[in-house]
């Protein structure tokens, strides 16, 4: 009986768990059994590993091989365990030094020719290994740049299985193999559009600045062609760079989703996601067979999720956003396990006033019936809109209107407002006004009830919920930060109420 042992990492959401890969080689009829709740892709590792070992010039042990992935109760998914399985078998067969392999974490997929292929989620996997006290990690050459973004990691890149075996003392010739590059979808290289491109729309631009300064969700309603999409696309250009912690979080999500190019380093700019209105709930919030993958909502973490033509989205898609809007994370329950992904994004919704879009504006004839209008806008349910802090009507601009300020000018005011909020929220764990609970905000308004009298009247009339009161106060604090004031004034609270109710809350 021979035993081999090494380690790998299993990702459930963004949480990584170190997995012990044990190989048991018994003198019996040749067989290969893989246990430990592998999914279909991982179960196929038996054939990939056998072909890779023989293609590398190493003898395949003709024994009954049992590979256990421990803890056995944790579901395992994907092909990233291939290298660890191969190393454990070689260690059990005595072809490599067992002790050297035990203290190292191995990640990577094996090709039939023995080359190592890059895998998704290397950054969170390496971070989990380092946190578990296992800093030495072997990854495919195509994942080295990404793995080295993790502080404290001792990263070793390998082109093929023979190279790893030779490092552990195997008597094998290392071929001159070309590394397999990571397949990353091409990313647009265009510059972030400038807010100066928007003609007129002073009111909408001001609301966009408030949204950027406080991290507030935004709804824009207006006829086609007034600039709703242009304004939304320019919101990321007003947001400050991500700090170190947020950059690592965002990069880890994009790595797991397979849309991260490690050549660019950590993602420092807030992401922008704008799924098409035909997107399914799984595409927006995450899903898939086995352990679910992150969707557009998680890829927009610390950035902007823009739903253009929002009433055209499936109702199920819109309703699934209520949980991340409230808690800042997506929790996906599947039979294979529970995956949690961060999803603290700014939601921007754009909608026409009716299906034809002509119910607003001079000289236009609306062909929609009252029932069609109610059904169209009714897809944006009350519980969803109750979580949207800023709601504004965007009216047509004139061609003679002048362009407004550039993104750089507005971004500087946003930076100062966020700095003021960060100073006030220091030590609380919150970074923007949109994250602060209402009780904390009300406690700092002082005893003057005039600041909330208008809000109480709106609650009595039914135009504002108690959740809405808290969100109005958040916007009021943002207006105070933009104005350089230490606390909101009655004017700030009134303006925030108008922005919340599209002028119908007073």
Protein backbone atom coordinates (compact mmCIF):
# COMPACT_ATOMS: atom_id res chain seq x y z
CA UNK A 1 0.00 0.00 0.00
CA UNK A 2 1.35 3.39 -1.05
CA UNK A 3 0.06 6.84 -0.10
CA UNK A 4 0.54 10.23 -1.72
CA UNK A 5 -0.66 13.57 -0.42
CA UNK A 6 -0.79 17.19 -1.59
CA UNK A 7 -3.22 20.11 -1.44
CA UNK A 8 -5.48 22.22 -3.62
CA UNK A 9 -8.24 24.79 -3.04
CA UNK A 10 -12.00 24.54 -3.54
CA UNK A 11 -13.97 27.75 -4.14
CA UNK A 12 -17.57 28.09 -2.98
CA UNK A 13 -18.54 31.56 -4.08
CA UNK A 14 -15.53 33.69 -3.17
CA UNK A 15 -14.78 31.59 -0.10
CA UNK A 16 -11.81 29.26 -0.54
CA UNK A 17 -11.25 26.02 1.36
CA UNK A 18 -7.99 24.08 1.36
CA UNK A 19 -8.59 20.53 0.12
CA UNK A 20 -6.34 17.60 0.99
CA UNK A 21 -5.76 15.46 -2.10
CA UNK A 22 -4.89 11.91 -1.01
CA UNK A 23 -3.92 9.09 -3.34
CA UNK A 24 -4.06 5.46 -2.23
CA UNK A 25 -2.29 2.90 -4.46
CA UNK A 26 -3.12 -0.74 -3.68
CA UNK A 27 -1.75 -3.92 -5.32
CA UNK A 28 -4.86 -5.10 -7.13
CA UNK A 29 -6.47 -4.97 -10.56
CA UNK A 30 -5.70 -1.58 -12.17
CA UNK A 31 -8.48 0.95 -11.60
CA UNK A 32 -8.89 4.66 -10.90
CA UNK A 33 -11.56 5.89 -8.47
CA UNK A 34 -12.14 9.54 -7.57
CA UNK A 35 -14.18 10.29 -4.43
CA UNK A 36 -15.07 13.42 -2.47
CA UNK A 37 -18.18 14.78 -4.26
CA UNK A 38 -16.62 15.70 -7.61
CA UNK A 39 -18.80 17.29 -10.29
CA UNK A 40 -18.85 16.05 -13.89
CA UNK A 41 -15.86 18.14 -15.01
CA UNK A 42 -13.81 16.98 -12.02
CA UNK A 43 -14.82 13.33 -12.45
CA UNK A 44 -13.34 13.47 -15.96
CA UNK A 45 -9.97 14.29 -14.37
CA UNK A 46 -9.28 10.54 -14.25
CA UNK A 47 -8.79 10.42 -18.03
CA UNK A 48 -6.99 13.77 -18.26
CA UNK A 49 -4.51 12.86 -15.51
CA UNK A 50 -3.74 9.40 -16.92
CA UNK A 51 -3.07 10.81 -20.40
CA UNK A 52 -1.02 13.73 -19.05
CA UNK A 53 1.21 11.46 -16.94
CA UNK A 54 2.00 9.10 -19.79
CA UNK A 55 2.48 11.97 -22.27
CA UNK A 56 5.03 13.49 -19.87
CA UNK A 57 7.25 10.39 -20.08
CA UNK A 58 6.32 9.16 -16.61
CA UNK A 59 5.20 5.57 -15.97
CA UNK A 60 1.57 5.11 -14.97
CA UNK A 61 1.29 2.94 -11.84
CA UNK A 62 -0.70 -0.19 -12.68
CA UNK A 63 -2.44 -0.42 -9.33
CA UNK A 64 -5.85 0.21 -7.89
CA UNK A 65 -5.76 3.99 -7.38
CA UNK A 66 -8.22 5.76 -5.11
CA UNK A 67 -8.01 9.56 -4.91
CA UNK A 68 -9.89 11.25 -2.08
CA UNK A 69 -10.66 14.98 -1.97
CA UNK A 70 -11.05 15.88 1.70
CA UNK A 71 -13.22 17.17 3.32
CA UNK A 72 -15.41 14.69 1.47
CA UNK A 73 -18.68 16.46 2.32
CA UNK A 74 -17.65 19.66 0.49
CA UNK A 75 -18.79 19.64 -3.16
CA UNK A 76 -15.86 20.07 -5.60
CA UNK A 77 -16.22 21.56 -9.05
CA UNK A 78 -14.06 22.35 -12.04
CA UNK A 79 -10.78 21.17 -13.49
CA UNK A 80 -8.41 23.07 -11.17
CA UNK A 81 -7.73 19.87 -9.16
CA UNK A 82 -6.04 18.06 -12.07
CA UNK A 83 -2.47 18.98 -11.14
CA UNK A 84 -2.94 18.14 -7.46
CA UNK A 85 -4.43 14.75 -8.35
CA UNK A 86 -1.51 13.96 -10.66
CA UNK A 87 1.10 15.02 -8.10
CA UNK A 88 -0.56 12.97 -5.35
CA UNK A 89 -0.53 9.85 -7.55
CA UNK A 90 3.11 10.38 -8.54
CA UNK A 91 4.02 10.87 -4.87
CA UNK A 92 2.19 7.69 -3.91
CA UNK A 93 4.00 5.79 -6.64
CA UNK A 94 7.34 7.04 -5.36
CA UNK A 95 8.15 8.88 -8.59
CA UNK A 96 8.44 12.27 -6.80
CA UNK A 97 9.52 13.30 -3.31
CA UNK A 98 6.36 13.03 -1.14
CA UNK A 99 7.37 15.59 1.51
CA UNK A 100 8.04 18.36 -1.00
CA UNK A 101 4.57 17.95 -2.53
CA UNK A 102 2.71 17.87 0.79
CA UNK A 103 3.44 21.45 1.81
CA UNK A 104 2.52 22.94 -1.58
CA UNK A 105 -0.87 23.90 -3.03
CA UNK A 106 -1.37 22.90 -6.66
CA UNK A 107 -3.84 24.53 -9.02
CA UNK A 108 -4.37 23.97 -12.72
CA UNK A 109 -5.99 21.93 -15.45
CA UNK A 110 -4.03 19.29 -17.39
CA UNK A 111 -4.12 18.86 -21.13
CA UNK A 112 -3.72 15.42 -22.65
CA UNK A 113 -0.20 16.40 -23.73
CA UNK A 114 0.80 17.18 -20.13
CA UNK A 115 0.71 20.97 -20.45
CA UNK A 116 -0.92 23.05 -17.72
CA UNK A 117 -3.93 25.08 -18.75
CA UNK A 118 -5.03 28.23 -16.87
CA UNK A 119 -8.16 28.10 -14.73
CA UNK A 120 -10.62 30.62 -13.32
CA UNK A 121 -10.56 31.99 -9.81
CA UNK A 122 -6.82 31.74 -9.19
CA UNK A 123 -6.65 35.00 -7.23
CA UNK A 124 -9.24 34.05 -4.54
CA UNK A 125 -7.87 30.50 -4.45
CA UNK A 126 -4.29 31.66 -3.82
CA UNK A 127 -5.56 34.16 -1.23
CA UNK A 128 -7.33 31.31 0.59
CA UNK A 129 -4.15 29.21 0.55
CA UNK A 130 -2.05 32.05 1.98
CA UNK A 131 -4.69 32.71 4.67
CA UNK A 132 -4.51 29.00 5.62
CA UNK A 133 -0.75 29.20 6.15
CA UNK A 134 0.23 27.59 2.84
CA UNK A 135 1.99 30.35 0.88
CA UNK A 136 3.76 28.10 -1.64
CA UNK A 137 1.48 27.64 -4.65
CA UNK A 138 2.09 26.03 -8.05
CA UNK A 139 -0.06 27.43 -10.86
CA UNK A 140 -0.06 27.26 -14.67
CA UNK A 141 2.25 29.74 -16.37
CA UNK A 142 -0.80 31.57 -17.74
CA UNK A 143 -2.02 32.28 -14.19
CA UNK A 144 1.29 33.45 -12.67
CA UNK A 145 0.66 37.17 -13.10
CA UNK A 146 -2.73 36.88 -11.42
CA UNK A 147 -1.47 34.69 -8.56
CA UNK A 148 1.34 37.11 -7.76
CA UNK A 149 -1.20 39.84 -7.05
CA UNK A 150 -1.82 38.13 -3.68
CA UNK A 151 0.51 39.53 -0.98
CA UNK A 152 2.61 36.89 0.75
CA UNK A 153 2.20 34.20 -1.90
CA UNK A 154 5.25 32.21 -3.04
CA UNK A 155 4.11 31.51 -6.58
CA UNK A 156 5.74 28.95 -8.87
CA UNK A 157 4.64 28.86 -12.49
CA UNK A 158 4.84 25.68 -14.54
CA UNK A 159 4.34 24.98 -18.22
CA UNK A 160 3.82 21.21 -17.99
CA UNK A 161 3.47 18.32 -15.58
CA UNK A 162 7.00 17.07 -16.32
CA UNK A 163 8.39 20.38 -15.06
CA UNK A 164 6.56 19.98 -11.73
CA UNK A 165 7.66 16.36 -11.39
CA UNK A 166 11.29 17.32 -12.06
CA UNK A 167 11.09 19.95 -9.30
CA UNK A 168 10.11 17.16 -6.90
CA UNK A 169 12.99 14.91 -7.92
CA UNK A 170 11.49 12.81 -10.71
CA UNK A 171 13.85 11.41 -13.33
CA UNK A 172 12.10 12.88 -16.37
CA UNK A 173 13.03 15.03 -19.33
CA UNK A 174 11.31 18.41 -19.32
CA UNK A 175 10.12 19.25 -22.84
CA UNK A 176 10.37 22.74 -24.26
CA UNK A 177 6.59 23.27 -24.15
CA UNK A 178 4.89 26.50 -25.10
CA UNK A 179 2.72 27.84 -22.25
CA UNK A 180 -1.05 27.87 -22.69
CA UNK A 181 -2.28 31.44 -22.48
CA UNK A 182 -5.34 32.29 -20.44
CA UNK A 183 -8.42 32.88 -22.55
CA UNK A 184 -9.78 36.26 -21.50
CA UNK A 185 -12.60 37.89 -23.47
CA UNK A 186 -11.42 41.09 -25.17
CA UNK A 187 -12.22 44.18 -23.15
CA UNK A 188 -13.12 47.50 -24.73
CA UNK A 189 -10.20 49.91 -24.78
CA UNK A 190 -12.21 53.06 -25.40
CA UNK A 191 -11.79 55.87 -22.89
CA UNK A 192 -14.51 56.51 -20.33
CA UNK A 193 -16.98 58.95 -21.94
CA UNK A 194 -16.93 62.50 -20.65
CA UNK A 195 -19.91 64.19 -19.02
CA UNK A 196 -19.18 67.25 -21.17
CA UNK A 197 -20.64 65.33 -24.11
CA UNK A 198 -24.13 65.69 -22.61
CA UNK A 199 -25.87 68.81 -23.90
CA UNK A 200 -28.07 70.59 -21.39
CA UNK A 201 -29.80 68.38 -18.81
CA UNK A 202 -28.63 70.47 -15.86
CA UNK A 203 -31.14 68.88 -13.47
CA UNK A 204 -30.25 65.31 -14.49
CA UNK A 205 -26.54 66.06 -14.29
CA UNK A 206 -26.97 67.42 -10.76
CA UNK A 207 -28.80 64.24 -9.71
CA UNK A 208 -26.05 62.13 -11.29
CA UNK A 209 -23.50 64.02 -9.17
CA UNK A 210 -25.51 63.33 -6.02
CA UNK A 211 -25.70 59.63 -6.94
CA UNK A 212 -21.93 59.48 -7.41
CA UNK A 213 -21.18 61.35 -4.18
CA UNK A 214 -23.33 59.15 -1.96
CA UNK A 215 -23.42 55.84 -3.82
CA UNK A 216 -27.19 56.13 -4.29
CA UNK A 217 -29.37 54.13 -6.67
CA UNK A 218 -30.96 56.12 -9.49
CA UNK A 219 -34.04 55.93 -11.73
CA UNK A 220 -34.29 58.14 -14.83
CA UNK A 221 -37.62 58.40 -16.63
CA UNK A 222 -37.94 60.21 -19.94
CA UNK A 223 -38.80 59.88 -23.62
CA UNK A 224 -36.37 58.27 -26.07
CA UNK A 225 -33.30 60.25 -27.06
CA UNK A 226 -33.12 62.66 -24.11
CA UNK A 227 -29.76 61.30 -22.86
CA UNK A 228 -30.61 58.74 -20.18
CA UNK A 229 -28.15 56.17 -21.51
CA UNK A 230 -25.45 58.81 -22.03
CA UNK A 231 -25.77 59.98 -18.45
CA UNK A 232 -25.64 56.45 -17.03
CA UNK A 233 -22.55 55.54 -19.06
CA UNK A 234 -20.73 58.54 -17.62
CA UNK A 235 -21.43 57.74 -13.97
CA UNK A 236 -18.33 55.49 -13.54
CA UNK A 237 -16.16 58.40 -14.65
CA UNK A 238 -17.36 60.40 -11.64
CA UNK A 239 -16.52 57.70 -9.10
CA UNK A 240 -13.15 57.62 -7.28
CA UNK A 241 -10.66 54.78 -7.70
CA UNK A 242 -11.16 51.67 -5.59
CA UNK A 243 -9.12 51.29 -2.43
CA UNK A 244 -6.92 48.24 -1.91
CA UNK A 245 -9.56 46.09 -0.20
CA UNK A 246 -12.26 46.89 -2.75
CA UNK A 247 -9.84 46.34 -5.64
CA UNK A 248 -9.01 42.85 -4.40
CA UNK A 249 -12.71 42.02 -3.96
CA UNK A 250 -13.63 43.23 -7.44
CA UNK A 251 -10.65 41.51 -9.05
CA UNK A 252 -11.48 38.22 -7.31
CA UNK A 253 -15.04 38.29 -8.65
CA UNK A 254 -13.87 39.03 -12.19
CA UNK A 255 -11.23 36.31 -11.93
CA UNK A 256 -13.84 33.75 -10.93
CA UNK A 257 -16.11 34.94 -13.75
CA UNK A 258 -13.25 34.51 -16.25
CA UNK A 259 -13.25 38.14 -17.44
CA UNK A 260 -10.07 39.38 -15.76
CA UNK A 261 -6.84 40.14 -17.60
CA UNK A 262 -3.97 39.86 -15.08
CA UNK A 263 -1.71 41.92 -17.34
CA UNK A 264 -3.63 45.00 -16.18
CA UNK A 265 -3.07 44.27 -12.47
CA UNK A 266 -5.77 44.76 -9.87
CA UNK A 267 -8.95 46.42 -11.11
CA UNK A 268 -8.74 49.94 -9.73
CA UNK A 269 -11.65 51.55 -11.56
CA UNK A 270 -15.30 50.89 -10.61
CA UNK A 271 -16.77 48.35 -13.04
CA UNK A 272 -19.73 49.09 -15.30
CA UNK A 273 -22.19 46.35 -16.27
CA UNK A 274 -25.12 46.90 -18.63
CA UNK A 275 -26.85 43.59 -19.41
CA UNK A 276 -29.35 43.44 -22.26
CA UNK A 277 -33.02 43.39 -21.34
CA UNK A 278 -33.27 39.77 -22.55
CA UNK A 279 -30.90 38.62 -19.78
CA UNK A 280 -32.12 35.83 -17.53
CA UNK A 281 -32.09 35.90 -13.71
CA UNK A 282 -29.07 33.56 -13.72
CA UNK A 283 -27.17 35.93 -16.02
CA UNK A 284 -27.87 38.94 -13.80
CA UNK A 285 -27.53 37.56 -10.26
CA UNK A 286 -25.53 34.41 -11.01
CA UNK A 287 -26.23 30.74 -11.50
CA UNK A 288 -25.26 27.66 -13.47
CA UNK A 289 -24.95 23.96 -12.77
CA UNK A 290 -23.05 22.82 -9.70
CA UNK A 291 -21.57 25.70 -7.73
CA UNK A 292 -23.17 28.83 -9.25
CA UNK A 293 -21.01 31.45 -10.94
CA UNK A 294 -21.23 35.23 -10.38
CA UNK A 295 -23.58 37.23 -12.59
CA UNK A 296 -23.66 40.84 -13.75
CA UNK A 297 -24.75 42.08 -10.31
CA UNK A 298 -21.59 40.69 -8.68
CA UNK A 299 -19.34 41.77 -11.55
CA UNK A 300 -20.69 45.28 -10.90
CA UNK A 301 -19.58 45.11 -7.24
CA UNK A 302 -18.26 48.53 -6.13
CA UNK A 303 -19.36 49.89 -9.50
CA UNK A 304 -22.49 50.49 -11.56
CA UNK A 305 -25.19 48.08 -12.75
CA UNK A 306 -27.17 49.80 -15.51
CA UNK A 307 -30.50 48.41 -16.70
CA UNK A 308 -31.47 50.29 -19.85
CA UNK A 309 -35.15 50.01 -20.80
CA UNK A 310 -35.70 48.59 -17.31
CA UNK A 311 -39.44 47.78 -17.75
CA UNK A 312 -38.48 45.51 -20.67
CA UNK A 313 -36.57 43.18 -18.31
CA UNK A 314 -38.29 40.08 -16.99
CA UNK A 315 -40.11 40.69 -13.73
CA UNK A 316 -38.14 37.82 -12.19
CA UNK A 317 -34.88 39.58 -13.02
CA UNK A 318 -35.98 42.84 -11.42
CA UNK A 319 -37.26 41.12 -8.29
CA UNK A 320 -34.03 39.16 -7.76
CA UNK A 321 -32.22 42.48 -7.34
CA UNK A 322 -34.08 43.33 -4.15
CA UNK A 323 -31.85 41.19 -1.92
CA UNK A 324 -28.48 42.57 -3.13
CA UNK A 325 -29.86 46.12 -3.02
CA UNK A 326 -30.67 45.63 0.66
CA UNK A 327 -27.75 43.51 1.84
CA UNK A 328 -24.94 44.13 -0.65
CA UNK A 329 -24.45 40.47 -1.52
CA UNK A 330 -26.01 37.70 -3.59
CA UNK A 331 -26.74 34.40 -1.85
CA UNK A 332 -27.38 31.56 -4.29
CA UNK A 333 -28.78 28.29 -2.93
CA UNK A 334 -28.24 25.19 -5.04
CA UNK A 335 -28.28 21.46 -4.32
CA UNK A 336 -24.48 21.47 -4.64
CA UNK A 337 -24.08 24.16 -2.00
CA UNK A 338 -24.55 27.81 -1.11
CA UNK A 339 -22.48 30.46 -2.86
CA UNK A 340 -22.14 34.04 -1.63
CA UNK A 341 -20.88 36.81 -3.87
CA UNK A 342 -20.46 40.49 -3.00
CA UNK A 343 -22.86 42.74 -4.89
CA UNK A 344 -22.70 46.24 -3.44
CA UNK A 345 -23.32 48.13 -6.66
CA UNK A 346 -25.09 51.31 -7.70
CA UNK A 347 -28.25 50.44 -9.59
CA UNK A 348 -29.17 52.81 -12.42
CA UNK A 349 -32.53 52.27 -14.11
CA UNK A 350 -33.62 54.01 -17.30
CA UNK A 351 -37.22 53.85 -18.48
CA UNK A 352 -39.53 55.45 -21.00
CA UNK A 353 -42.75 56.96 -19.62
CA UNK A 354 -44.79 54.42 -21.65
CA UNK A 355 -44.18 51.63 -24.19
CA UNK A 356 -44.18 53.97 -27.20
CA UNK A 357 -42.31 56.70 -25.32
CA UNK A 358 -44.41 59.53 -26.73
CA UNK A 359 -46.54 60.42 -23.71
CA UNK A 360 -44.13 63.26 -22.87
CA UNK A 361 -43.24 66.06 -25.26
CA UNK A 362 -44.92 68.51 -27.55
CA UNK A 363 -46.28 67.42 -30.91
CA UNK A 364 -46.09 63.70 -30.06
CA UNK A 365 -49.03 61.31 -30.16
CA UNK A 366 -49.05 58.49 -27.64
CA UNK A 367 -50.65 55.29 -28.95
CA UNK A 368 -50.63 53.44 -25.61
CA UNK A 369 -53.80 52.64 -23.73
CA UNK A 370 -54.01 53.37 -20.01
CA UNK A 371 -53.82 49.63 -19.33
CA UNK A 372 -50.62 49.32 -21.39
CA UNK A 373 -49.03 52.20 -19.52
CA UNK A 374 -49.86 50.74 -16.12
CA UNK A 375 -48.66 47.29 -17.15
CA UNK A 376 -45.43 48.68 -18.65
CA UNK A 377 -44.31 50.78 -15.69
CA UNK A 378 -45.85 48.36 -13.21
CA UNK A 379 -42.96 45.96 -13.85
CA UNK A 380 -40.93 48.31 -11.67
CA UNK A 381 -42.64 47.16 -8.50
CA UNK A 382 -43.15 49.25 -5.41
CA UNK A 383 -40.72 47.19 -3.28
CA UNK A 384 -38.00 47.67 -5.92
CA UNK A 385 -38.56 51.41 -6.37
CA UNK A 386 -38.70 51.83 -2.60
CA UNK A 387 -35.00 50.91 -2.61
CA UNK A 388 -34.09 53.51 -5.23
CA UNK A 389 -32.97 56.72 -3.52
CA UNK A 390 -33.05 59.10 -6.51
CA UNK A 391 -35.86 59.26 -9.06
CA UNK A 392 -35.78 61.97 -11.71
CA UNK A 393 -37.71 62.92 -14.85
CA UNK A 394 -35.36 63.63 -17.77
CA UNK A 395 -36.95 66.11 -20.18
CA UNK A 396 -35.86 66.86 -23.76
CA UNK A 397 -33.00 69.34 -24.13
CA UNK A 398 -32.59 71.92 -26.90
CA UNK A 399 -29.81 71.77 -29.47
CA UNK A 400 -28.85 75.32 -28.50
CA UNK A 401 -28.09 74.29 -24.91
CA UNK A 402 -24.41 74.36 -24.03
CA UNK A 403 -22.45 71.37 -22.79
CA UNK A 404 -21.96 71.31 -19.05
CA UNK A 405 -18.92 70.66 -16.89
CA UNK A 406 -16.50 67.88 -17.69
CA UNK A 407 -16.29 64.62 -15.74
CA UNK A 408 -13.00 65.74 -14.18
CA UNK A 409 -14.56 68.85 -12.64
CA UNK A 410 -17.58 66.99 -11.26
CA UNK A 411 -15.43 64.07 -10.08
CA UNK A 412 -13.37 66.45 -7.95
CA UNK A 413 -16.50 67.63 -6.12
CA UNK A 414 -17.56 64.01 -5.71
CA UNK A 415 -14.13 63.18 -4.28
CA UNK A 416 -14.40 65.97 -1.69
CA UNK A 417 -17.92 64.90 -0.71
CA UNK A 418 -16.85 61.29 -0.29
CA UNK A 419 -13.85 62.38 1.75
CA UNK A 420 -16.17 64.29 4.10
CA UNK A 421 -18.43 61.23 4.43
CA UNK A 422 -15.43 58.94 5.02
CA UNK A 423 -14.19 61.22 7.81
CA UNK A 424 -17.62 61.16 9.47
CA UNK A 425 -17.95 57.38 9.05
CA UNK A 426 -14.41 56.51 10.12
CA UNK A 427 -14.37 53.35 12.22
CA UNK A 428 -17.94 52.33 11.39
CA UNK A 429 -17.21 49.99 8.47
CA UNK A 430 -19.30 52.08 6.09
CA UNK A 431 -17.77 54.11 3.30
CA UNK A 432 -20.71 55.90 1.62
CA UNK A 433 -23.92 57.47 2.82
CA UNK A 434 -25.95 54.89 0.90
CA UNK A 435 -24.71 52.17 3.30
CA UNK A 436 -25.51 53.93 6.57
CA UNK A 437 -28.55 52.75 8.62
CA UNK A 438 -31.27 55.28 9.25
CA UNK A 439 -30.97 55.10 13.03
CA UNK A 440 -27.35 56.21 12.90
CA UNK A 441 -28.29 59.16 10.67
CA UNK A 442 -31.28 60.26 12.75
CA UNK A 443 -29.22 60.19 15.94
CA UNK A 444 -26.97 62.87 14.45
CA UNK A 445 -29.70 65.22 13.28
CA UNK A 446 -30.16 66.69 16.73
CA UNK A 447 -33.38 67.49 18.59
CA UNK A 448 -34.77 69.87 15.91
CA UNK A 449 -37.84 68.02 14.61
CA UNK A 450 -38.27 70.51 11.77
CA UNK A 451 -35.73 68.50 9.80
CA UNK A 452 -38.01 65.46 9.65
CA UNK A 453 -41.46 67.10 9.86
CA UNK A 454 -41.92 67.04 6.09
CA UNK A 455 -40.90 63.38 6.07
CA UNK A 456 -43.45 62.54 8.76
CA UNK A 457 -46.15 64.30 6.74
CA UNK A 458 -45.22 62.25 3.66
CA UNK A 459 -45.42 59.04 5.70
CA UNK A 460 -48.88 60.06 6.96
CA UNK A 461 -50.03 60.68 3.37
CA UNK A 462 -48.62 57.34 2.19
CA UNK A 463 -46.19 58.87 -0.31
CA UNK A 464 -43.18 57.67 1.70
CA UNK A 465 -42.43 54.47 3.61
CA UNK A 466 -40.30 54.23 6.73
CA UNK A 467 -37.55 52.74 4.59
CA UNK A 468 -38.01 55.74 2.32
CA UNK A 469 -37.48 58.09 5.27
CA UNK A 470 -34.09 56.55 5.94
CA UNK A 471 -33.13 56.81 2.29
CA UNK A 472 -34.20 60.45 2.09
CA UNK A 473 -31.96 61.18 5.07
CA UNK A 474 -29.05 59.46 3.33
CA UNK A 475 -29.50 61.71 0.31
CA UNK A 476 -29.81 64.76 2.59
CA UNK A 477 -26.44 63.95 4.15
CA UNK A 478 -24.94 63.61 0.68
CA UNK A 479 -26.33 67.03 -0.29
CA UNK A 480 -24.76 68.44 2.88
CA UNK A 481 -21.41 66.84 2.00
CA UNK A 482 -21.53 68.35 -1.50
CA UNK A 483 -22.36 71.72 0.00
CA UNK A 484 -19.57 71.56 2.58
CA UNK A 485 -21.96 71.54 5.54
CA UNK A 486 -21.47 69.51 8.72
CA UNK A 487 -25.10 68.36 8.84
CA UNK A 488 -28.20 68.53 6.63
CA UNK A 489 -30.36 71.63 6.68
CA UNK A 490 -34.15 71.69 6.22
CA UNK A 491 -33.47 72.69 2.61
CA UNK A 492 -31.33 69.58 2.13
CA UNK A 493 -34.07 67.34 3.53
CA UNK A 494 -36.68 68.97 1.29
CA UNK A 495 -34.51 68.63 -1.78
CA UNK A 496 -33.79 65.00 -0.95
CA UNK A 497 -37.53 64.36 -0.58
CA UNK A 498 -38.18 65.86 -4.02
CA UNK A 499 -35.43 63.73 -5.55
CA UNK A 500 -36.92 60.65 -3.91
CA UNK A 501 -40.53 61.18 -5.04
CA UNK A 502 -40.02 62.99 -8.38
CA UNK A 503 -41.52 66.10 -6.85
CA UNK A 504 -44.68 64.42 -5.50
CA UNK A 505 -43.67 63.99 -1.85
CA UNK A 506 -44.19 67.48 -0.53
